[in-house]
Amino acid sequence: MSRTGGEWVVEALRAEGVRHVFGIPGVYNLAIYDALLGQRVIEHILARHEQGAAFMADGYARSSGRPGVALVTTGPGATNTLTPLAESYAGSIPVLVVMSDIPAALVGREVGALHEVVNQIECFKPVCRWAEQVTEGAAIAADVQGAFDLFASGRPGPIALSIPTDLLTARVEGRIVAGRGRGRPPCHVDEIEAAARLLAGARRPLLIAGGGVVSAEATGGLRRLASRLGAPVITTVMGRGSISETDPLWQGVLPNKRATEEALRAADVILAVGCRLAHRSTQGLLLNLAFASDQALIHLDIDPAVIGKLFKPRLGIVGDARDGLARLAEALGPGTRAGWNTGRFAELKRAANERFTPEVAELIRILRTALADDAIVVNDQTGINYWMEWLFPVLAPRTFLYPVGSATLGYGVPAAIGAKVANPGRQVVAVVGDGGFLFSVNELATAVKYGLGVVFLVLNDQQYGAIKYLQERLYGRWGEADLTNPDFPALARAFGAAGERVPSLDALGPALARALAHPGPTVLELPMAVEPPWEL
């Protein structure tokens, strides 16, 4: 069948079950937009900045498990997505960015073409699982479908496809392949048996669950194995919700040293599943993780490149988390065991330093009480978010979105919009600081345009509070961290959203109830300063 390259992009996305895309049209990608106008299956969400479009795609994917797609134009439109892709790469989030490029005959020649970035696709290789320049129109559909093959079969992560504008406008023959065989690799039977022997002989087994448990939909298997072993479960930030944090077996979030370090030191066999044991979580501002010679680390991950990168395991297992957890539970057989002092570790769950003030605790309590168990909470980076990273109770997978890989400002607003598009029937609340909110406040226009009932809770302390905290403790003085802010409720109303200033924590619960009942977006401003939990 003969179609334009733009039509092949849209047809391939439709064949892969894509129902929403985020983006901005530009002079070079109009063939894709013309194809979108000719169909009714895929809904386009118009962002106000390409960074916002890609963060929306991330929030869409992170909250739903379905790949997020962003469509952007050449040059600056494309490079504006680099920061979101860096976050999606660090978080192993399946995001596809389809970008146009200058005409194929000009690529790489540096002749001063409009929007030219020399060898544009090379910019994306460090932050993508796969970044490819499409060189012929007949390959467009196959490359788009190939991206979804990679999403389904290995460690998820962002993919960038760059398509010269003349390939998008030219008509070419091609085909869509239906029923593509896809599957995640199973774990090797001998390695599962070896891991089962180690766990069966453990006196104090412990599980560490990462985002790979969530992406593999292996939460049920995690809970069954933990129950069989009587093992505490520590989650990474990306793995939060893989076990309900009201479950007695949940111990804490990995970098929260006060809750997790004692258990990590006491365990004799540790099974880490679907996590990188990344530097930020294990060698950060609190936890300084090390395994003793008499501790056995079993590391199971779908990506062989992460096993042994920071910590050499006794046993490495490459494969799907769902397959591995299910077969470990089966190999261990029935029965339960408990070799842990559960009372002691229940106390450690609640441990916090003196900066966890009653006001911070009350804010977190109000938020959790106001929201349904399946509500989606989207974090930016500010004082309260650093506390929420460890202490906000997460009850289900994909309900706590946090830019843990890049720790970037500006994530919360667009990611919350993407999460609401993916989950229109669920509550979505973005918790942001005044500094981070202004990084991407322009996307409030998108929330208004599509009538998205997202609540944006802005904690306003008139400064980059975490930076001020670090300056004072590291250098004894601070500067260039104080902010001049607009009237946030008035700004919200200028966009066409609801806006309300919440004078105190006592008024926050009723304000949240009103905002959650409102059919469109609402900005709530709460004057409050929160110091981060770091212990320098």
Protein backbone atom coordinates (compact mmCIF):
# COMPACT_ATOMS: atom_id res chain seq x y z
CA MET A 1 0.00 0.00 0.00
CA SER A 2 1.25 3.48 -0.85
CA ARG A 3 1.14 6.20 1.83
CA THR A 4 3.11 9.28 2.76
CA GLY A 5 5.80 8.80 5.38
CA GLY A 6 3.68 10.82 7.81
CA GLU A 7 0.76 8.46 7.22
CA TRP A 8 3.01 5.46 7.86
CA VAL A 9 4.04 6.96 11.22
CA VAL A 10 0.42 7.35 12.28
CA GLU A 11 -0.67 3.98 10.88
CA ALA A 12 2.14 2.19 12.73
CA LEU A 13 1.28 3.95 16.00
CA ARG A 14 -2.38 3.02 15.57
CA ALA A 15 -1.44 -0.61 14.88
CA GLU A 16 0.53 -0.66 18.13
CA GLY A 17 -2.50 0.41 20.14
CA VAL A 18 -1.43 4.03 20.70
CA ARG A 19 -4.44 6.17 21.54
CA HIS A 20 -2.79 9.42 22.67
CA VAL A 21 0.24 11.37 21.46
CA PHE A 22 1.70 14.60 22.81
CA GLY A 23 3.43 17.19 20.72
CA ILE A 24 3.71 20.45 18.81
CA PRO A 25 3.47 20.82 15.03
CA GLY A 26 6.29 22.52 13.16
CA VAL A 27 7.14 23.28 9.57
CA TYR A 28 9.05 20.01 9.06
CA ASN A 29 6.63 17.51 10.67
CA LEU A 30 3.35 18.71 9.16
CA ALA A 31 2.96 15.51 7.13
CA ILE A 32 2.51 13.62 10.42
CA TYR A 33 -0.05 16.15 11.61
CA ASP A 34 -1.95 15.96 8.34
CA ALA A 35 -2.15 12.19 8.82
CA LEU A 36 -3.44 12.68 12.36
CA LEU A 37 -6.19 14.94 11.03
CA GLY A 38 -7.32 12.15 8.70
CA GLN A 39 -8.15 9.64 11.46
CA ARG A 40 -10.06 9.51 14.75
CA VAL A 41 -8.37 6.70 16.71
CA ILE A 42 -5.37 8.61 18.08
CA GLU A 43 -6.01 11.80 20.06
CA HIS A 44 -3.34 14.47 19.89
CA ILE A 45 -2.63 16.53 23.05
CA LEU A 46 -1.11 19.89 22.16
CA ALA A 47 1.67 20.89 24.55
CA ARG A 48 3.08 24.42 24.87
CA HIS A 49 6.75 23.37 24.86
CA GLU A 50 8.45 20.25 23.54
CA GLN A 51 9.96 19.59 26.97
CA GLY A 52 6.43 19.54 28.33
CA ALA A 53 5.28 17.16 25.58
CA ALA A 54 7.99 14.61 26.41
CA PHE A 55 7.40 14.91 30.17
CA MET A 56 3.69 14.35 29.46
CA ALA A 57 4.61 11.21 27.54
CA ASP A 58 6.71 10.09 30.52
CA GLY A 59 3.88 10.68 32.99
CA TYR A 60 1.49 8.86 30.66
CA ALA A 61 3.79 5.83 30.46
CA ARG A 62 4.85 5.83 34.10
CA SER A 63 1.27 5.88 35.37
CA SER A 64 -0.23 3.43 32.88
CA GLY A 65 2.47 1.04 31.72
CA ARG A 66 1.67 1.90 28.11
CA PRO A 67 4.35 3.60 26.01
CA GLY A 68 4.11 7.38 25.80
CA VAL A 69 4.62 9.07 22.43
CA ALA A 70 5.80 12.60 21.65
CA LEU A 71 5.87 14.20 18.19
CA VAL A 72 8.25 17.13 17.67
CA THR A 73 9.81 19.07 14.85
CA THR A 74 13.41 19.50 13.73
CA GLY A 75 16.34 21.12 15.54
CA PRO A 76 15.28 23.09 18.63
CA GLY A 77 11.96 21.27 18.76
CA ALA A 78 13.83 17.98 18.94
CA THR A 79 16.58 19.07 21.34
CA ASN A 80 13.99 20.47 23.75
CA THR A 81 13.12 16.84 24.56
CA LEU A 82 16.62 15.89 25.74
CA THR A 83 16.01 16.63 29.43
CA PRO A 84 12.80 14.56 29.59
CA LEU A 85 14.50 11.71 27.74
CA ALA A 86 17.36 11.78 30.25
CA GLU A 87 14.77 11.28 33.00
CA SER A 88 12.96 8.53 31.09
CA TYR A 89 16.29 6.80 30.46
CA ALA A 90 17.24 6.87 34.14
CA GLY A 91 13.76 5.65 35.14
CA SER A 92 13.50 2.96 32.40
CA ILE A 93 10.29 4.52 31.07
CA PRO A 94 9.02 3.54 27.58
CA VAL A 95 8.78 6.84 25.69
CA LEU A 96 8.99 7.20 21.91
CA VAL A 97 9.96 10.57 20.44
CA VAL A 98 9.37 10.87 16.71
CA MET A 99 11.16 13.94 15.38
CA SER A 100 11.51 15.34 11.91
CA ASP A 101 14.85 16.34 10.41
CA ILE A 102 16.04 18.53 7.54
CA PRO A 103 15.84 16.97 4.03
CA ALA A 104 17.81 13.74 3.75
CA ALA A 105 20.27 15.09 1.17
CA LEU A 106 21.30 17.88 3.61
CA VAL A 107 21.70 15.81 6.80
CA GLY A 108 25.24 16.02 8.16
CA ARG A 109 26.47 18.57 5.59
CA GLU A 110 26.29 21.69 7.81
CA VAL A 111 24.96 23.93 5.05
CA GLY A 112 22.87 26.21 7.25
CA ALA A 113 19.46 24.68 6.59
CA LEU A 114 16.51 25.95 8.63
CA HIS A 115 16.52 24.35 12.12
CA GLU A 116 19.61 22.33 11.20
CA VAL A 117 21.39 20.47 14.00
CA VAL A 118 24.30 18.63 12.44
CA ASN A 119 23.75 14.88 12.84
CA GLN A 120 20.75 15.59 15.02
CA ILE A 121 20.20 12.00 16.09
CA GLU A 122 23.66 11.81 17.67
CA CYS A 123 22.43 14.15 20.43
CA PHE A 124 19.97 11.49 21.55
CA LYS A 125 22.12 8.38 21.74
CA PRO A 126 23.40 9.03 25.30
CA VAL A 127 19.84 9.30 26.66
CA CYS A 128 18.03 6.61 24.68
CA ARG A 129 17.95 2.84 24.53
CA TRP A 130 17.84 3.24 20.74
CA ALA A 131 18.24 6.37 18.63
CA GLU A 132 17.97 5.93 14.87
CA GLN A 133 18.05 8.12 11.77
CA VAL A 134 15.52 6.74 9.28
CA THR A 135 17.16 6.71 5.85
CA GLU A 136 14.37 5.46 3.59
CA GLY A 137 10.63 5.96 3.59
CA ALA A 138 9.88 2.24 3.28
CA ALA A 139 11.51 1.69 6.69
CA ILE A 140 9.35 4.18 8.62
CA ALA A 141 6.58 1.79 9.68
CA ALA A 142 9.04 -0.99 10.50
CA ASP A 143 11.17 1.31 12.68
CA VAL A 144 8.13 2.62 14.58
CA GLN A 145 6.92 -0.94 15.19
CA GLY A 146 10.46 -1.97 16.07
CA ALA A 147 10.44 0.57 18.90
CA PHE A 148 7.45 -1.21 20.40
CA ASP A 149 9.24 -4.55 19.99
CA LEU A 150 12.03 -3.19 22.20
CA PHE A 151 9.59 -1.75 24.74
CA ALA A 152 7.98 -5.17 25.14
CA SER A 153 11.01 -7.43 25.17
CA GLY A 154 13.79 -5.87 27.24
CA ARG A 155 14.53 -3.18 29.78
CA PRO A 156 12.19 -0.31 28.90
CA GLY A 157 13.57 3.08 28.10
CA PRO A 158 13.18 5.96 25.66
CA ILE A 159 13.62 5.61 21.91
CA ALA A 160 14.16 8.43 19.41
CA LEU A 161 13.46 8.21 15.69
CA SER A 162 14.58 11.03 13.41
CA ILE A 163 12.88 11.18 10.01
CA PRO A 164 13.93 13.67 7.29
CA THR A 165 11.04 15.87 6.24
CA ASP A 166 11.16 14.79 2.59
CA LEU A 167 10.67 11.16 3.65
CA LEU A 168 7.60 12.24 5.61
CA THR A 169 6.02 13.96 2.62
CA ALA A 170 6.92 11.43 -0.09
CA ARG A 171 4.58 8.56 -0.92
CA VAL A 172 6.11 5.12 -0.54
CA GLU A 173 4.99 1.52 -0.35
CA GLY A 174 5.18 -0.27 2.97
CA ARG A 175 3.32 -2.59 5.28
CA ILE A 176 2.22 -3.03 8.87
CA VAL A 177 3.06 -6.35 10.50
CA ALA A 178 0.24 -7.58 12.75
CA GLY A 179 0.65 -10.10 15.56
CA ARG A 180 4.37 -9.52 16.07
CA GLY A 181 5.78 -12.13 18.44
CA ARG A 182 7.09 -10.49 21.60
CA GLY A 183 8.11 -11.77 24.97
CA ARG A 184 10.43 -11.05 27.85
CA PRO A 185 13.27 -13.52 28.40
CA PRO A 186 12.71 -16.11 31.14
CA CYS A 187 15.27 -16.78 33.85
CA HIS A 188 17.59 -19.75 33.46
CA VAL A 189 16.34 -22.79 35.37
CA ASP A 190 19.76 -23.57 36.92
CA GLU A 191 20.10 -20.01 38.24
CA ILE A 192 16.60 -20.11 39.77
CA GLU A 193 17.44 -23.39 41.49
CA ALA A 194 20.69 -21.94 42.85
CA ALA A 195 18.88 -18.84 44.13
CA ALA A 196 16.20 -21.01 45.75
CA ARG A 197 18.86 -22.97 47.61
CA LEU A 198 20.44 -19.80 48.95
CA LEU A 199 17.08 -18.40 50.05
CA ALA A 200 15.97 -21.71 51.59
CA GLY A 201 19.09 -21.74 53.76
CA ALA A 202 18.83 -18.10 54.81
CA ARG A 203 18.14 -17.19 58.43
CA ARG A 204 17.28 -13.58 57.61
CA PRO A 205 16.39 -13.20 53.92
CA LEU A 206 15.58 -9.73 52.58
CA LEU A 207 14.09 -8.53 49.28
CA ILE A 208 14.86 -5.30 47.40
CA ALA A 209 12.24 -4.50 44.74
CA GLY A 210 12.85 -1.98 41.97
CA GLY A 211 10.89 -0.51 39.12
CA GLY A 212 11.44 -3.68 37.11
CA VAL A 213 8.97 -5.45 39.41
CA VAL A 214 6.35 -2.85 38.50
CA SER A 215 7.06 -2.82 34.76
CA ALA A 216 6.97 -6.64 34.64
CA GLU A 217 3.64 -6.65 36.53
CA ALA A 218 5.28 -8.90 39.10
CA THR A 219 3.86 -7.36 42.27
CA GLY A 220 1.78 -10.44 43.11
CA GLY A 221 4.81 -12.69 42.80
CA LEU A 222 6.84 -10.34 45.00
CA ARG A 223 4.24 -10.47 47.78
CA ARG A 224 3.95 -14.28 47.57
CA LEU A 225 7.71 -14.78 47.78
CA ALA A 226 8.10 -12.30 50.64
CA SER A 227 5.32 -14.01 52.57
CA ARG A 228 6.82 -17.46 51.93
CA LEU A 229 10.21 -16.31 53.26
CA GLY A 230 8.92 -14.02 56.00
CA ALA A 231 11.27 -11.50 54.42
CA PRO A 232 11.13 -7.71 54.79
CA VAL A 233 10.76 -5.86 51.49
CA ILE A 234 12.72 -2.69 50.77
CA THR A 235 11.67 -0.83 47.64
CA THR A 236 13.59 1.60 45.50
CA VAL A 237 11.81 4.85 44.68
CA MET A 238 10.86 3.45 41.27
CA GLY A 239 9.65 0.25 42.94
CA ARG A 240 7.30 1.98 45.37
CA GLY A 241 3.85 0.41 45.33
CA SER A 242 5.16 -3.01 44.31
CA ILE A 243 4.01 -3.93 47.80
CA SER A 244 1.50 -1.84 49.71
CA GLU A 245 3.26 0.30 52.29
CA THR A 246 0.62 -0.64 54.84
CA ASP A 247 1.82 -4.26 54.53
CA PRO A 248 3.79 -5.39 57.61
CA LEU A 249 6.45 -6.87 55.32
CA TRP A 250 7.26 -3.50 53.75
CA GLN A 251 10.30 -2.03 55.49
CA GLY A 252 11.09 1.24 53.73
CA VAL A 253 12.50 3.03 50.71
CA LEU A 254 16.10 2.06 49.97
CA PRO A 255 17.88 5.42 50.41
CA ASN A 256 16.04 6.11 53.70
CA LYS A 257 18.94 4.99 55.89
CA ARG A 258 17.07 5.22 59.18
CA ALA A 259 14.45 2.72 58.03
CA THR A 260 16.59 0.36 55.96
CA GLU A 261 20.25 0.29 57.01
CA GLU A 262 19.86 -1.98 60.03
CA ALA A 263 17.85 -4.52 58.03
CA LEU A 264 20.35 -4.41 55.17
CA ARG A 265 23.23 -5.10 57.57
CA ALA A 266 21.40 -7.89 59.40
CA ALA A 267 20.29 -9.84 56.29
CA ASP A 268 22.32 -12.89 55.32
CA VAL A 269 20.77 -13.36 51.85
CA ILE A 270 19.52 -10.36 49.83
CA LEU A 271 17.50 -10.78 46.65
CA ALA A 272 17.45 -7.59 44.53
CA VAL A 273 14.89 -7.76 41.74
CA GLY A 274 14.39 -5.32 38.87
CA CYS A 275 16.65 -2.61 40.24
CA ARG A 276 20.01 -1.13 39.34
CA LEU A 277 21.09 -0.51 42.94
CA ALA A 278 21.85 2.93 41.56
CA HIS A 279 24.44 5.28 43.03
CA ARG A 280 21.88 7.93 44.02
CA SER A 281 20.00 5.43 46.19
CA THR A 282 22.92 3.46 47.62
CA GLN A 283 25.74 6.01 47.91
CA GLY A 284 23.74 9.20 48.36
CA LEU A 285 23.24 11.80 51.05
CA LEU A 286 22.18 9.22 53.65
CA LEU A 287 22.67 5.54 52.87
CA ASN A 288 26.20 4.31 52.11
CA LEU A 289 25.47 0.72 51.19
CA ALA A 290 28.06 -2.06 51.32
CA PHE A 291 27.66 -5.81 51.53
CA ALA A 292 29.80 -7.86 53.92
CA SER A 293 31.71 -10.94 52.77
CA ASP A 294 29.31 -13.24 54.60
CA GLN A 295 26.24 -11.72 52.92
CA ALA A 296 24.97 -13.31 49.71
CA LEU A 297 23.58 -10.88 47.13
CA ILE A 298 21.35 -12.34 44.42
CA HIS A 299 20.70 -9.80 41.66
CA LEU A 300 17.90 -10.53 39.17
CA ASP A 301 17.36 -8.11 36.31
CA ILE A 302 16.28 -8.19 32.69
CA ASP A 303 19.31 -6.08 31.72
CA PRO A 304 22.63 -7.92 32.14
CA ALA A 305 24.50 -4.60 32.02
CA VAL A 306 23.23 -3.51 35.47
CA ILE A 307 24.21 -6.70 37.30
CA GLY A 308 27.49 -6.23 39.12
CA LYS A 309 27.95 -2.62 38.03
CA LEU A 310 28.23 -1.27 41.60
CA PHE A 311 27.92 -4.41 43.75
CA LYS A 312 29.27 -7.82 42.76
CA PRO A 313 26.58 -10.44 43.44
CA ARG A 314 27.05 -13.98 44.68
CA LEU A 315 24.60 -14.94 41.94
CA GLY A 316 23.42 -12.92 38.94
CA ILE A 317 20.23 -13.88 37.13
CA VAL A 318 19.25 -12.34 33.79
CA GLY A 319 15.56 -12.49 33.01
CA ASP A 320 12.04 -11.26 33.55
CA ALA A 321 11.12 -10.32 37.13
CA ARG A 322 7.66 -11.85 36.89
CA ASP A 323 9.04 -15.17 35.67
CA GLY A 324 11.84 -15.19 38.24
CA LEU A 325 9.70 -14.36 41.27
CA ALA A 326 7.01 -16.87 40.34
CA ARG A 327 9.49 -19.69 39.80
CA LEU A 328 11.39 -18.90 42.99
CA ALA A 329 8.16 -19.16 45.01
CA GLU A 330 7.38 -22.43 43.27
CA ALA A 331 10.86 -23.84 43.90
CA LEU A 332 10.69 -22.98 47.60
CA GLY A 333 7.32 -24.69 48.00
CA PRO A 334 4.68 -24.03 50.68
CA GLY A 335 5.27 -22.84 54.23
CA THR A 336 6.26 -19.62 55.94
CA ARG A 337 9.18 -18.61 58.08
CA ALA A 338 10.01 -15.59 60.19
CA GLY A 339 13.51 -15.00 61.49
CA TRP A 340 13.26 -11.28 62.00
CA ASN A 341 12.56 -9.09 65.02
CA THR A 342 9.45 -7.57 63.47
CA GLY A 343 8.80 -5.24 66.41
CA ARG A 344 12.20 -3.62 66.08
CA PHE A 345 11.85 -3.04 62.36
CA ALA A 346 8.34 -1.68 62.72
CA GLU A 347 9.87 1.06 64.90
CA LEU A 348 12.52 1.80 62.30
CA LYS A 349 9.89 2.41 59.62
CA ARG A 350 8.76 5.50 61.50
CA ALA A 351 12.24 6.83 62.26
CA ALA A 352 13.11 10.31 61.01
CA ASN A 353 15.43 13.12 61.97
CA GLU A 354 14.48 16.32 63.78
CA ARG A 355 13.65 18.16 60.57
CA PHE A 356 10.64 15.90 60.06
CA THR A 357 8.51 18.44 61.87
CA PRO A 358 4.91 17.99 62.99
CA GLU A 359 3.91 20.34 60.17
CA VAL A 360 5.60 18.16 57.52
CA ALA A 361 4.03 15.03 59.02
CA GLU A 362 0.62 16.70 59.03
CA LEU A 363 0.92 17.82 55.41
CA ILE A 364 1.70 14.26 54.32
CA ARG A 365 -1.17 12.91 56.45
CA ILE A 366 -3.64 15.39 54.96
CA LEU A 367 -2.60 14.49 51.42
CA ARG A 368 -2.89 10.74 51.99
CA THR A 369 -6.24 11.08 53.75
CA ALA A 370 -7.70 13.30 51.02
CA LEU A 371 -6.82 10.91 48.20
CA ALA A 372 -8.18 7.57 47.07
CA ASP A 373 -5.89 4.56 47.34
CA ASP A 374 -5.38 4.57 43.55
CA ALA A 375 -4.87 8.33 43.25
CA ILE A 376 -1.75 9.32 41.32
CA VAL A 377 0.64 11.67 43.11
CA VAL A 378 3.20 13.37 40.87
CA ASN A 379 6.25 14.93 42.46
CA ASP A 380 8.57 17.66 41.33
CA GLN A 381 11.71 18.56 43.34
CA THR A 382 11.25 20.64 46.45
CA GLY A 383 11.61 20.25 50.22
CA ILE A 384 8.36 18.37 50.74
CA ASN A 385 9.00 16.05 47.79
CA TYR A 386 12.25 14.86 49.34
CA TRP A 387 10.26 13.79 52.41
CA MET A 388 7.49 12.27 50.30
CA GLU A 389 10.08 10.23 48.41
CA TRP A 390 10.46 8.17 51.59
CA LEU A 391 7.48 8.80 53.82
CA PHE A 392 4.33 9.38 51.75
CA PRO A 393 2.41 6.05 51.99
CA VAL A 394 2.19 4.45 48.54
CA LEU A 395 -0.54 1.83 48.34
CA ALA A 396 -0.46 0.63 44.72
CA PRO A 397 1.99 0.50 41.81
CA ARG A 398 2.20 3.38 39.33
CA THR A 399 0.60 5.84 41.76
CA PHE A 400 3.75 7.70 42.87
CA LEU A 401 5.63 9.46 40.07
CA TYR A 402 9.00 10.87 41.00
CA PRO A 403 11.88 12.08 38.75
CA VAL A 404 14.41 10.08 40.74
CA GLY A 405 16.91 9.67 37.91
CA SER A 406 17.43 13.32 36.99
CA ALA A 407 15.95 15.04 40.06
CA THR A 408 14.86 17.75 37.66
CA LEU A 409 12.73 20.78 38.31
CA GLY A 410 9.76 21.17 35.99
CA TYR A 411 8.73 17.52 35.85
CA GLY A 412 5.62 17.65 38.01
CA VAL A 413 3.21 19.80 36.00
CA PRO A 414 3.50 18.14 32.56
CA ALA A 415 3.91 14.61 33.97
CA ALA A 416 0.68 15.07 35.92
CA ILE A 417 -1.08 16.13 32.72
CA GLY A 418 0.16 12.99 30.99
CA ALA A 419 -0.97 10.84 33.92
CA LYS A 420 -4.45 12.35 33.81
CA VAL A 421 -4.76 11.77 30.06
CA ALA A 422 -3.84 8.11 30.65
CA ASN A 423 -6.12 7.76 33.69
CA PRO A 424 -9.07 10.13 33.24
CA GLY A 425 -11.16 8.48 35.96
CA ARG A 426 -8.57 8.74 38.72
CA GLN A 427 -7.48 11.57 40.98
CA VAL A 428 -4.19 13.19 39.96
CA VAL A 429 -2.34 15.63 42.21
CA ALA A 430 0.97 17.31 41.40
CA VAL A 431 2.98 18.48 44.43
CA VAL A 432 5.48 21.15 43.42
CA GLY A 433 7.47 24.02 44.82
CA ASP A 434 7.19 27.62 43.68
CA GLY A 435 10.47 27.38 41.78
CA GLY A 436 9.65 24.15 39.97
CA PHE A 437 6.11 25.24 39.16
CA LEU A 438 7.39 28.21 37.16
CA PHE A 439 9.66 25.91 35.13
CA SER A 440 6.61 24.51 33.35
CA VAL A 441 3.60 26.62 34.34
CA ASN A 442 2.97 27.22 30.62
CA GLU A 443 1.57 23.67 30.42
CA LEU A 444 -1.33 24.79 32.60
CA ALA A 445 -2.76 26.02 29.30
CA THR A 446 -2.82 22.41 28.06
CA ALA A 447 -4.67 21.24 31.17
CA VAL A 448 -7.26 23.99 30.62
CA LYS A 449 -7.59 23.28 26.88
CA TYR A 450 -8.50 19.64 27.50
CA GLY A 451 -10.46 20.14 30.71
CA LEU A 452 -8.13 17.96 32.78
CA GLY A 453 -9.03 17.86 36.47
CA VAL A 454 -5.49 17.92 37.84
CA VAL A 455 -4.77 19.53 41.21
CA PHE A 456 -1.48 21.44 41.36
CA LEU A 457 -0.45 21.98 44.99
CA VAL A 458 2.25 24.68 45.06
CA LEU A 459 4.26 25.04 48.27
CA ASN A 460 5.49 28.63 48.20
CA ASP A 461 8.48 29.56 50.33
CA GLN A 462 9.69 32.33 47.97
CA GLN A 463 13.01 30.57 47.41
CA TYR A 464 14.87 27.54 46.13
CA GLY A 465 14.69 26.17 49.65
CA ALA A 466 16.77 23.01 49.23
CA ILE A 467 19.56 25.00 47.59
CA LYS A 468 19.50 27.57 50.38
CA TYR A 469 19.72 24.73 52.91
CA LEU A 470 22.81 23.30 51.22
CA GLN A 471 24.48 26.71 50.83
CA GLU A 472 24.06 27.50 54.52
CA ARG A 473 25.42 24.14 55.69
CA LEU A 474 28.26 23.85 53.23
CA TYR A 475 29.40 27.47 53.03
CA GLY A 476 27.82 29.28 55.97
CA ARG A 477 25.95 31.75 53.79
CA TRP A 478 23.45 31.77 50.96
CA GLY A 479 22.43 33.82 47.97
CA GLU A 480 20.77 33.74 44.55
CA ALA A 481 18.15 31.37 45.90
CA ASP A 482 15.45 33.90 46.81
CA LEU A 483 12.59 34.24 44.32
CA THR A 484 10.14 36.89 43.21
CA ASN A 485 6.90 35.09 42.43
CA PRO A 486 3.60 36.03 40.83
CA ASP A 487 0.23 35.79 42.52
CA PHE A 488 -0.25 32.08 41.85
CA PRO A 489 -4.06 31.89 42.21
CA ALA A 490 -4.43 34.95 39.96
CA LEU A 491 -2.02 33.40 37.46
CA ALA A 492 -4.10 30.22 37.45
CA ARG A 493 -7.29 32.18 36.81
CA ALA A 494 -5.57 34.06 33.97
CA PHE A 495 -5.02 30.68 32.28
CA GLY A 496 -8.67 29.77 32.85
CA ALA A 497 -7.99 27.37 35.73
CA ALA A 498 -9.31 27.61 39.27
CA GLY A 499 -6.94 29.16 41.79
CA GLU A 500 -7.02 29.36 45.57
CA ARG A 501 -4.60 30.46 48.27
CA VAL A 502 -4.68 28.08 51.24
CA PRO A 503 -3.74 30.09 54.32
CA SER A 504 -2.73 27.19 56.57
CA LEU A 505 -2.57 23.44 56.93
CA ASP A 506 -5.92 23.53 58.74
CA ALA A 507 -7.54 24.74 55.55
CA LEU A 508 -5.75 22.32 53.22
CA GLY A 509 -8.09 19.33 53.59
CA PRO A 510 -11.27 21.24 52.58
CA ALA A 511 -9.37 23.00 49.77
CA LEU A 512 -8.21 19.67 48.38
CA ALA A 513 -11.76 18.34 48.51
CA ARG A 514 -13.02 21.32 46.51
CA ALA A 515 -10.19 21.03 43.99
CA LEU A 516 -10.67 17.28 43.49
CA ALA A 517 -14.38 17.85 42.85
CA HIS A 518 -13.69 20.58 40.28
CA PRO A 519 -13.95 19.32 36.67
CA GLY A 520 -10.96 21.30 35.42
CA PRO A 521 -7.47 22.09 36.70
CA THR A 522 -6.96 23.83 40.05
CA VAL A 523 -3.89 25.55 41.51
CA LEU A 524 -3.67 25.58 45.30
CA GLU A 525 -0.98 27.77 46.83
CA LEU A 526 0.16 26.88 50.35
CA PRO A 527 2.71 29.20 52.00
CA MET A 528 5.10 26.77 53.67
CA ALA A 529 8.85 26.23 53.93
CA VAL A 530 10.19 22.69 54.30
CA GLU A 531 13.80 21.71 54.93
CA PRO A 532 14.96 18.55 53.14
CA PRO A 533 15.79 15.39 55.13
CA TRP A 534 19.45 15.21 54.17
CA GLU A 535 22.06 14.66 56.87
CA LEU A 536 25.35 16.13 55.68
